[in-house]
Full PDB file with SEQRES, HELIX, SHEET, SSBOND, CRYST1, ORIGX, SCALE, CONECT and MASTER records, all heavy atoms in Angstrom:
SEQRES   1 A   32  ALA THR ARG MET ARG HIS THR LEU HIS ASN LEU LEU ILE          
SEQRES   2 A   32  HIS ALA GLY ILE THR PRO SER GLN LYS TYR HIS GLU THR          
SEQRES   3 A   32  LEU THR ARG ALA TRP ILE                                      
HELIX    1 AA1 THR A    2  HIS A   14  1                                  13    
HELIX    2 AA2 PRO A   19  LYS A   22  1                                   4    
HELIX    3 AA3 GLU A   25  TRP A   31  1                                   7    
CRYST1    1.000    1.000    1.000  90.00  90.00  90.00 P 1           1          
ORIGX1      1.000000  0.000000  0.000000        0.00000                         
ORIGX2      0.000000  1.000000  0.000000        0.00000                         
ORIGX3      0.000000  0.000000  1.000000        0.00000                         
SCALE1      1.000000  0.000000  0.000000        0.00000                         
SCALE2      0.000000  1.000000  0.000000        0.00000                         
SCALE3      0.000000  0.000000  1.000000        0.00000                         
ATOM      1  N   ALA A   1     159.673 114.376   0.920  1.00  0.00           N  
ATOM      2  CA  ALA A   1     160.938 114.174   0.094  1.00  0.00           C  
ATOM      3  C   ALA A   1     161.540 112.685   0.481  1.00  0.00           C  
ATOM      4  O   ALA A   1     161.940 112.008  -0.426  1.00  0.00           O  
ATOM      5  CB  ALA A   1     161.923 115.208   0.392  1.00  0.00           C  
ATOM      6  N   THR A   2     161.493 112.445   1.733  1.00  0.00           N  
ATOM      7  CA  THR A   2     162.107 111.132   2.110  1.00  0.00           C  
ATOM      8  C   THR A   2     161.248 110.035   1.599  1.00  0.00           C  
ATOM      9  O   THR A   2     161.761 108.999   1.041  1.00  0.00           O  
ATOM     10  CB  THR A   2     162.082 111.100   3.680  1.00  0.00           C  
ATOM     11  OG1 THR A   2     162.969 112.189   4.145  1.00  0.00           O  
ATOM     12  CG2 THR A   2     162.581 109.724   4.160  1.00  0.00           C  
ATOM     13  N   ARG A   3     159.922 110.117   1.662  1.00  0.00           N  
ATOM     14  CA  ARG A   3     159.010 109.030   1.180  1.00  0.00           C  
ATOM     15  C   ARG A   3     159.153 108.951  -0.329  1.00  0.00           C  
ATOM     16  O   ARG A   3     159.139 107.778  -0.878  1.00  0.00           O  
ATOM     17  CB  ARG A   3     157.591 109.383   1.571  1.00  0.00           C  
ATOM     18  CG  ARG A   3     157.268 109.282   3.061  1.00  0.00           C  
ATOM     19  CD  ARG A   3     157.312 107.930   3.568  1.00  0.00           C  
ATOM     20  NE  ARG A   3     156.106 107.280   3.176  1.00  0.00           N  
ATOM     21  CZ  ARG A   3     155.530 106.184   3.924  1.00  0.00           C  
ATOM     22  NH1 ARG A   3     156.134 105.908   5.082  1.00  0.00           N  
ATOM     23  NH2 ARG A   3     154.508 105.543   3.476  1.00  0.00           N  
ATOM     24  N   MET A   4     159.219 110.038  -1.010  1.00  0.00           N  
ATOM     25  CA  MET A   4     159.287 109.970  -2.478  1.00  0.00           C  
ATOM     26  C   MET A   4     160.598 109.308  -2.869  1.00  0.00           C  
ATOM     27  O   MET A   4     160.539 108.430  -3.701  1.00  0.00           O  
ATOM     28  CB  MET A   4     159.210 111.452  -3.008  1.00  0.00           C  
ATOM     29  CG  MET A   4     159.222 111.467  -4.499  1.00  0.00           C  
ATOM     30  SD  MET A   4     157.748 110.752  -5.295  1.00  0.00           S  
ATOM     31  CE  MET A   4     156.776 112.281  -5.554  1.00  0.00           C  
ATOM     32  N   ARG A   5     161.679 109.631  -2.292  1.00  0.00           N  
ATOM     33  CA  ARG A   5     162.976 109.023  -2.644  1.00  0.00           C  
ATOM     34  C   ARG A   5     162.879 107.492  -2.425  1.00  0.00           C  
ATOM     35  O   ARG A   5     163.276 106.703  -3.237  1.00  0.00           O  
ATOM     36  CB  ARG A   5     164.103 109.591  -1.744  1.00  0.00           C  
ATOM     37  CG  ARG A   5     165.470 108.956  -1.967  1.00  0.00           C  
ATOM     38  CD  ARG A   5     166.587 109.568  -1.066  1.00  0.00           C  
ATOM     39  NE  ARG A   5     166.416 111.078  -0.969  1.00  0.00           N  
ATOM     40  CZ  ARG A   5     166.119 111.774   0.111  1.00  0.00           C  
ATOM     41  NH1 ARG A   5     165.574 111.103   1.174  1.00  0.00           N  
ATOM     42  NH2 ARG A   5     166.006 113.082   0.170  1.00  0.00           N  
ATOM     43  N   HIS A   6     162.386 107.158  -1.134  1.00  0.00           N  
ATOM     44  CA  HIS A   6     162.301 105.721  -0.858  1.00  0.00           C  
ATOM     45  C   HIS A   6     161.402 105.012  -1.809  1.00  0.00           C  
ATOM     46  O   HIS A   6     161.770 103.895  -2.344  1.00  0.00           O  
ATOM     47  CB  HIS A   6     161.752 105.596   0.517  1.00  0.00           C  
ATOM     48  CG  HIS A   6     161.555 104.225   1.080  1.00  0.00           C  
ATOM     49  ND1 HIS A   6     162.554 103.444   1.490  1.00  0.00           N  
ATOM     50  CD2 HIS A   6     160.384 103.513   1.148  1.00  0.00           C  
ATOM     51  CE1 HIS A   6     162.052 102.143   1.761  1.00  0.00           C  
ATOM     52  NE2 HIS A   6     160.739 102.232   1.621  1.00  0.00           N  
ATOM     53  N   THR A   7     160.197 105.527  -2.117  1.00  0.00           N  
ATOM     54  CA  THR A   7     159.276 104.823  -2.988  1.00  0.00           C  
ATOM     55  C   THR A   7     159.837 104.701  -4.397  1.00  0.00           C  
ATOM     56  O   THR A   7     159.712 103.698  -5.080  1.00  0.00           O  
ATOM     57  CB  THR A   7     157.923 105.672  -2.988  1.00  0.00           C  
ATOM     58  OG1 THR A   7     157.404 105.649  -1.665  1.00  0.00           O  
ATOM     59  CG2 THR A   7     156.958 105.080  -3.985  1.00  0.00           C  
ATOM     60  N   LEU A   8     160.458 105.790  -4.960  1.00  0.00           N  
ATOM     61  CA  LEU A   8     160.972 105.729  -6.276  1.00  0.00           C  
ATOM     62  C   LEU A   8     162.171 104.796  -6.406  1.00  0.00           C  
ATOM     63  O   LEU A   8     162.213 103.991  -7.361  1.00  0.00           O  
ATOM     64  CB  LEU A   8     161.395 107.129  -6.775  1.00  0.00           C  
ATOM     65  CG  LEU A   8     160.293 108.185  -6.939  1.00  0.00           C  
ATOM     66  CD1 LEU A   8     160.903 109.504  -7.366  1.00  0.00           C  
ATOM     67  CD2 LEU A   8     159.254 107.623  -7.959  1.00  0.00           C  
ATOM     68  N   HIS A   9     162.947 104.694  -5.398  1.00  0.00           N  
ATOM     69  CA  HIS A   9     164.070 103.706  -5.399  1.00  0.00           C  
ATOM     70  C   HIS A   9     163.448 102.302  -5.365  1.00  0.00           C  
ATOM     71  O   HIS A   9     163.912 101.516  -6.195  1.00  0.00           O  
ATOM     72  CB  HIS A   9     164.960 103.861  -4.071  1.00  0.00           C  
ATOM     73  CG  HIS A   9     165.963 104.923  -4.283  1.00  0.00           C  
ATOM     74  ND1 HIS A   9     167.237 104.735  -3.859  1.00  0.00           N  
ATOM     75  CD2 HIS A   9     165.975 106.109  -4.855  1.00  0.00           C  
ATOM     76  CE1 HIS A   9     168.029 105.708  -4.135  1.00  0.00           C  
ATOM     77  NE2 HIS A   9     167.241 106.647  -4.678  1.00  0.00           N  
ATOM     78  N   ASN A  10     162.485 102.048  -4.541  1.00  0.00           N  
ATOM     79  CA  ASN A  10     161.864 100.699  -4.465  1.00  0.00           C  
ATOM     80  C   ASN A  10     161.244 100.342  -5.840  1.00  0.00           C  
ATOM     81  O   ASN A  10     161.340  99.211  -6.303  1.00  0.00           O  
ATOM     82  CB  ASN A  10     160.876 100.615  -3.368  1.00  0.00           C  
ATOM     83  CG  ASN A  10     161.557 100.487  -1.991  1.00  0.00           C  
ATOM     84  OD1 ASN A  10     162.671 100.157  -1.868  1.00  0.00           O  
ATOM     85  ND2 ASN A  10     160.685 100.752  -0.975  1.00  0.00           N  
ATOM     86  N   LEU A  11     160.507 101.282  -6.406  1.00  0.00           N  
ATOM     87  CA  LEU A  11     159.902 101.059  -7.649  1.00  0.00           C  
ATOM     88  C   LEU A  11     160.903 100.653  -8.852  1.00  0.00           C  
ATOM     89  O   LEU A  11     160.683  99.730  -9.491  1.00  0.00           O  
ATOM     90  CB  LEU A  11     159.016 102.378  -8.084  1.00  0.00           C  
ATOM     91  CG  LEU A  11     158.041 102.179  -9.150  1.00  0.00           C  
ATOM     92  CD1 LEU A  11     156.986 101.086  -8.857  1.00  0.00           C  
ATOM     93  CD2 LEU A  11     157.346 103.494  -9.402  1.00  0.00           C  
ATOM     94  N   LEU A  12     161.994 101.426  -8.884  1.00  0.00           N  
ATOM     95  CA  LEU A  12     163.030 101.150  -9.716  1.00  0.00           C  
ATOM     96  C   LEU A  12     163.661  99.791  -9.554  1.00  0.00           C  
ATOM     97  O   LEU A  12     163.850  98.986 -10.493  1.00  0.00           O  
ATOM     98  CB  LEU A  12     164.072 102.223  -9.802  1.00  0.00           C  
ATOM     99  CG  LEU A  12     163.640 103.578 -10.261  1.00  0.00           C  
ATOM    100  CD1 LEU A  12     164.658 104.735  -9.852  1.00  0.00           C  
ATOM    101  CD2 LEU A  12     163.437 103.571 -11.777  1.00  0.00           C  
ATOM    102  N   ILE A  13     163.997  99.505  -8.360  1.00  0.00           N  
ATOM    103  CA  ILE A  13     164.613  98.195  -7.939  1.00  0.00           C  
ATOM    104  C   ILE A  13     163.700  97.137  -8.366  1.00  0.00           C  
ATOM    105  O   ILE A  13     164.207  95.969  -8.963  1.00  0.00           O  
ATOM    106  CB  ILE A  13     165.035  98.176  -6.471  1.00  0.00           C  
ATOM    107  CG1 ILE A  13     166.206  99.009  -6.154  1.00  0.00           C  
ATOM    108  CG2 ILE A  13     165.342  96.699  -6.100  1.00  0.00           C  
ATOM    109  CD1 ILE A  13     166.431  99.353  -4.759  1.00  0.00           C  
ATOM    110  N   HIS A  14     162.508  97.200  -8.138  1.00  0.00           N  
ATOM    111  CA  HIS A  14     161.418  96.217  -8.407  1.00  0.00           C  
ATOM    112  C   HIS A  14     161.369  95.985  -9.929  1.00  0.00           C  
ATOM    113  O   HIS A  14     161.161  94.752 -10.347  1.00  0.00           O  
ATOM    114  CB  HIS A  14     160.090  96.489  -7.836  1.00  0.00           C  
ATOM    115  CG  HIS A  14     159.043  95.479  -7.990  1.00  0.00           C  
ATOM    116  ND1 HIS A  14     158.212  95.404  -9.111  1.00  0.00           N  
ATOM    117  CD2 HIS A  14     158.763  94.374  -7.287  1.00  0.00           C  
ATOM    118  CE1 HIS A  14     157.394  94.336  -9.058  1.00  0.00           C  
ATOM    119  NE2 HIS A  14     157.814  93.712  -7.970  1.00  0.00           N  
ATOM    120  N   ALA A  15     161.580  96.995 -10.677  1.00  0.00           N  
ATOM    121  CA  ALA A  15     161.545  96.903 -12.199  1.00  0.00           C  
ATOM    122  C   ALA A  15     162.873  96.398 -12.691  1.00  0.00           C  
ATOM    123  O   ALA A  15     163.029  96.402 -13.949  1.00  0.00           O  
ATOM    124  CB  ALA A  15     161.140  98.256 -12.752  1.00  0.00           C  
ATOM    125  N   GLY A  16     163.889  96.213 -11.802  1.00  0.00           N  
ATOM    126  CA  GLY A  16     165.201  95.691 -12.298  1.00  0.00           C  
ATOM    127  C   GLY A  16     166.114  96.843 -12.771  1.00  0.00           C  
ATOM    128  O   GLY A  16     166.993  96.635 -13.493  1.00  0.00           O  
ATOM    129  N   ILE A  17     165.843  98.083 -12.309  1.00  0.00           N  
ATOM    130  CA  ILE A  17     166.574  99.211 -12.726  1.00  0.00           C  
ATOM    131  C   ILE A  17     167.367  99.666 -11.567  1.00  0.00           C  
ATOM    132  O   ILE A  17     166.866  99.911 -10.500  1.00  0.00           O  
ATOM    133  CB  ILE A  17     165.698 100.492 -13.193  1.00  0.00           C  
ATOM    134  CG1 ILE A  17     164.893  99.934 -14.408  1.00  0.00           C  
ATOM    135  CG2 ILE A  17     166.538 101.533 -13.540  1.00  0.00           C  
ATOM    136  CD1 ILE A  17     163.702 100.910 -14.782  1.00  0.00           C  
ATOM    137  N   THR A  18     168.660  99.918 -11.671  1.00  0.00           N  
ATOM    138  CA  THR A  18     169.557 100.348 -10.570  1.00  0.00           C  
ATOM    139  C   THR A  18     169.177 101.811 -10.443  1.00  0.00           C  
ATOM    140  O   THR A  18     169.215 102.613 -11.347  1.00  0.00           O  
ATOM    141  CB  THR A  18     171.027 100.201 -11.026  1.00  0.00           C  
ATOM    142  OG1 THR A  18     171.318  98.857 -11.288  1.00  0.00           O  
ATOM    143  CG2 THR A  18     171.893 100.666  -9.896  1.00  0.00           C  
ATOM    144  N   PRO A  19     168.768 102.178  -9.128  1.00  0.00           N  
ATOM    145  CA  PRO A  19     168.310 103.550  -8.974  1.00  0.00           C  
ATOM    146  C   PRO A  19     169.312 104.658  -9.394  1.00  0.00           C  
ATOM    147  O   PRO A  19     168.917 105.688  -9.987  1.00  0.00           O  
ATOM    148  CB  PRO A  19     168.161 103.600  -7.432  1.00  0.00           C  
ATOM    149  CG  PRO A  19     167.740 102.232  -7.141  1.00  0.00           C  
ATOM    150  CD  PRO A  19     168.555 101.376  -8.039  1.00  0.00           C  
ATOM    151  N   SER A  20     170.590 104.345  -9.285  1.00  0.00           N  
ATOM    152  CA  SER A  20     171.673 105.389  -9.755  1.00  0.00           C  
ATOM    153  C   SER A  20     171.576 105.628 -11.242  1.00  0.00           C  
ATOM    154  O   SER A  20     172.050 106.635 -11.669  1.00  0.00           O  
ATOM    155  CB  SER A  20     173.028 104.951  -9.332  1.00  0.00           C  
ATOM    156  OG  SER A  20     173.439 103.722  -9.862  1.00  0.00           O  
ATOM    157  N   GLN A  21     170.928 104.727 -12.024  1.00  0.00           N  
ATOM    158  CA  GLN A  21     170.856 104.896 -13.468  1.00  0.00           C  
ATOM    159  C   GLN A  21     169.673 105.855 -13.850  1.00  0.00           C  
ATOM    160  O   GLN A  21     169.680 106.445 -14.822  1.00  0.00           O  
ATOM    161  CB  GLN A  21     170.598 103.583 -14.095  1.00  0.00           C  
ATOM    162  CG  GLN A  21     171.739 102.645 -14.107  1.00  0.00           C  
ATOM    163  CD  GLN A  21     171.342 101.236 -14.633  1.00  0.00           C  
ATOM    164  OE1 GLN A  21     170.204 100.751 -14.528  1.00  0.00           O  
ATOM    165  NE2 GLN A  21     172.334 100.596 -15.213  1.00  0.00           N  
ATOM    166  N   LYS A  22     168.660 105.984 -12.976  1.00  0.00           N  
ATOM    167  CA  LYS A  22     167.329 106.587 -13.336  1.00  0.00           C  
ATOM    168  C   LYS A  22     167.021 107.762 -12.262  1.00  0.00           C  
ATOM    169  O   LYS A  22     166.607 108.830 -12.723  1.00  0.00           O  
ATOM    170  CB  LYS A  22     166.325 105.607 -13.402  1.00  0.00           C  
ATOM    171  CG  LYS A  22     165.017 106.168 -13.923  1.00  0.00           C  
ATOM    172  CD  LYS A  22     164.882 106.100 -15.318  1.00  0.00           C  
ATOM    173  CE  LYS A  22     163.449 106.559 -15.742  1.00  0.00           C  
ATOM    174  NZ  LYS A  22     163.366 107.157 -17.036  1.00  0.00           N  
ATOM    175  N   TYR A  23     167.208 107.548 -11.017  1.00  0.00           N  
ATOM    176  CA  TYR A  23     166.785 108.390 -10.013  1.00  0.00           C  
ATOM    177  C   TYR A  23     167.610 109.716 -10.031  1.00  0.00           C  
ATOM    178  O   TYR A  23     168.850 109.619 -10.130  1.00  0.00           O  
ATOM    179  CB  TYR A  23     166.847 107.703  -8.618  1.00  0.00           C  
ATOM    180  CG  TYR A  23     166.387 108.663  -7.595  1.00  0.00           C  
ATOM    181  CD1 TYR A  23     165.064 108.887  -7.322  1.00  0.00           C  
ATOM    182  CD2 TYR A  23     167.334 109.270  -6.784  1.00  0.00           C  
ATOM    183  CE1 TYR A  23     164.680 109.783  -6.248  1.00  0.00           C  
ATOM    184  CE2 TYR A  23     166.952 110.181  -5.755  1.00  0.00           C  
ATOM    185  CZ  TYR A  23     165.581 110.427  -5.495  1.00  0.00           C  
ATOM    186  OH  TYR A  23     165.153 111.281  -4.538  1.00  0.00           O  
ATOM    187  N   HIS A  24     166.927 110.844  -9.806  1.00  0.00           N  
ATOM    188  CA  HIS A  24     167.620 112.171  -9.864  1.00  0.00           C  
ATOM    189  C   HIS A  24     167.124 112.894  -8.601  1.00  0.00           C  
ATOM    190  O   HIS A  24     166.055 113.351  -8.470  1.00  0.00           O  
ATOM    191  CB  HIS A  24     167.164 112.866 -11.097  1.00  0.00           C  
ATOM    192  CG  HIS A  24     167.976 114.057 -11.438  1.00  0.00           C  
ATOM    193  ND1 HIS A  24     168.083 115.174 -10.691  1.00  0.00           N  
ATOM    194  CD2 HIS A  24     168.936 114.249 -12.494  1.00  0.00           C  
ATOM    195  CE1 HIS A  24     168.884 115.997 -11.221  1.00  0.00           C  
ATOM    196  NE2 HIS A  24     169.432 115.513 -12.295  1.00  0.00           N  
ATOM    197  N   GLU A  25     168.084 113.047  -7.587  1.00  0.00           N  
ATOM    198  CA  GLU A  25     167.788 113.637  -6.347  1.00  0.00           C  
ATOM    199  C   GLU A  25     167.304 115.118  -6.487  1.00  0.00           C  
ATOM    200  O   GLU A  25     166.408 115.514  -5.859  1.00  0.00           O  
ATOM    201  CB  GLU A  25     168.907 113.446  -5.364  1.00  0.00           C  
ATOM    202  CG  GLU A  25     168.773 114.147  -3.952  1.00  0.00           C  
ATOM    203  CD  GLU A  25     167.600 113.443  -3.162  1.00  0.00           C  
ATOM    204  OE1 GLU A  25     167.331 112.276  -3.411  1.00  0.00           O  
ATOM    205  OE2 GLU A  25     166.972 114.192  -2.303  1.00  0.00           O  
ATOM    206  N   THR A  26     168.067 115.898  -7.278  1.00  0.00           N  
ATOM    207  CA  THR A  26     167.742 117.237  -7.447  1.00  0.00           C  
ATOM    208  C   THR A  26     166.350 117.475  -8.029  1.00  0.00           C  
ATOM    209  O   THR A  26     165.526 118.316  -7.486  1.00  0.00           O  
ATOM    210  CB  THR A  26     168.785 118.089  -8.192  1.00  0.00           C  
ATOM    211  OG1 THR A  26     170.013 117.997  -7.448  1.00  0.00           O  
ATOM    212  CG2 THR A  26     168.444 119.507  -8.448  1.00  0.00           C  
ATOM    213  N   LEU A  27     166.090 116.696  -9.061  1.00  0.00           N  
ATOM    214  CA  LEU A  27     164.701 116.878  -9.597  1.00  0.00           C  
ATOM    215  C   LEU A  27     163.630 116.389  -8.840  1.00  0.00           C  
ATOM    216  O   LEU A  27     162.521 117.102  -8.641  1.00  0.00           O  
ATOM    217  CB  LEU A  27     164.734 116.085 -10.968  1.00  0.00           C  
ATOM    218  CG  LEU A  27     165.216 116.738 -12.234  1.00  0.00           C  
ATOM    219  CD1 LEU A  27     165.234 115.746 -13.419  1.00  0.00           C  
ATOM    220  CD2 LEU A  27     164.433 118.038 -12.576  1.00  0.00           C  
ATOM    221  N   THR A  28     163.854 115.349  -8.053  1.00  0.00           N  
ATOM    222  CA  THR A  28     162.878 114.892  -7.001  1.00  0.00           C  
ATOM    223  C   THR A  28     162.584 115.935  -6.008  1.00  0.00           C  
ATOM    224  O   THR A  28     161.434 116.309  -5.752  1.00  0.00           O  
ATOM    225  CB  THR A  28     163.321 113.508  -6.469  1.00  0.00           C  
ATOM    226  OG1 THR A  28     163.466 112.580  -7.462  1.00  0.00           O  
ATOM    227  CG2 THR A  28     162.322 113.077  -5.412  1.00  0.00           C  
ATOM    228  N   ARG A  29     163.608 116.378  -5.416  1.00  0.00           N  
ATOM    229  CA  ARG A  29     163.462 117.342  -4.356  1.00  0.00           C  
ATOM    230  C   ARG A  29     162.931 118.653  -4.803  1.00  0.00           C  
ATOM    231  O   ARG A  29     162.080 119.259  -4.210  1.00  0.00           O  
ATOM    232  CB  ARG A  29     164.775 117.617  -3.572  1.00  0.00           C  
ATOM    233  CG  ARG A  29     164.806 118.570  -2.407  1.00  0.00           C  
ATOM    234  CD  ARG A  29     164.022 117.968  -1.245  1.00  0.00           C  
ATOM    235  NE  ARG A  29     163.912 118.882  -0.179  1.00  0.00           N  
ATOM    236  CZ  ARG A  29     163.770 118.676   1.082  1.00  0.00           C  
ATOM    237  NH1 ARG A  29     163.693 117.360   1.459  1.00  0.00           N  
ATOM    238  NH2 ARG A  29     163.715 119.536   1.995  1.00  0.00           N  
ATOM    239  N   ALA A  30     163.405 119.142  -6.024  1.00  0.00           N  
ATOM    240  CA  ALA A  30     162.963 120.432  -6.515  1.00  0.00           C  
ATOM    241  C   ALA A  30     161.426 120.358  -6.896  1.00  0.00           C  
ATOM    242  O   ALA A  30     160.623 121.314  -6.540  1.00  0.00           O  
ATOM    243  CB  ALA A  30     163.710 120.752  -7.791  1.00  0.00           C  
ATOM    244  N   TRP A  31     160.942 119.209  -7.393  1.00  0.00           N  
ATOM    245  CA  TRP A  31     159.549 119.067  -7.646  1.00  0.00           C  
ATOM    246  C   TRP A  31     158.696 119.008  -6.359  1.00  0.00           C  
ATOM    247  O   TRP A  31     157.599 119.528  -6.362  1.00  0.00           O  
ATOM    248  CB  TRP A  31     159.271 117.916  -8.666  1.00  0.00           C  
ATOM    249  CG  TRP A  31     159.386 118.311 -10.033  1.00  0.00           C  
ATOM    250  CD1 TRP A  31     160.552 117.985 -10.875  1.00  0.00           C  
ATOM    251  CD2 TRP A  31     158.589 119.230 -10.807  1.00  0.00           C  
ATOM    252  NE1 TRP A  31     160.288 118.618 -12.110  1.00  0.00           N  
ATOM    253  CE2 TRP A  31     159.102 119.410 -12.060  1.00  0.00           C  
ATOM    254  CE3 TRP A  31     157.383 119.822 -10.464  1.00  0.00           C  
ATOM    255  CZ2 TRP A  31     158.494 120.159 -12.993  1.00  0.00           C  
ATOM    256  CZ3 TRP A  31     156.736 120.685 -11.435  1.00  0.00           C  
ATOM    257  CH2 TRP A  31     157.366 120.744 -12.698  1.00  0.00           C  
ATOM    258  N   ILE A  32     159.217 118.383  -5.425  1.00  0.00           N  
ATOM    259  CA  ILE A  32     158.562 118.396  -4.103  1.00  0.00           C  
ATOM    260  C   ILE A  32     158.442 119.872  -3.576  1.00  0.00           C  
ATOM    261  O   ILE A  32     157.346 120.220  -3.215  1.00  0.00           O  
ATOM    262  CB  ILE A  32     159.299 117.534  -2.986  1.00  0.00           C  
ATOM    263  CG1 ILE A  32     159.238 116.061  -3.364  1.00  0.00           C  
ATOM    264  CG2 ILE A  32     158.819 117.827  -1.612  1.00  0.00           C  
ATOM    265  CD1 ILE A  32     157.945 115.391  -3.035  1.00  0.00           C  
TER     266      ILE A  32                                                      
MASTER        0    0    0    3    0    0    0    6  265    1    0    3          
END                                                                             
C-alpha cells in the first residue's frame, strides 16, 4: 500500500498532474 501510493503519486507528478486531482486513497488501498 505504501509503495503503491508513493509510485502513483510520483507517476502523476511526473505527468504534470497534481496527485490530489487524480489519486484516490480508498480505491488504491481497497484494491491492494
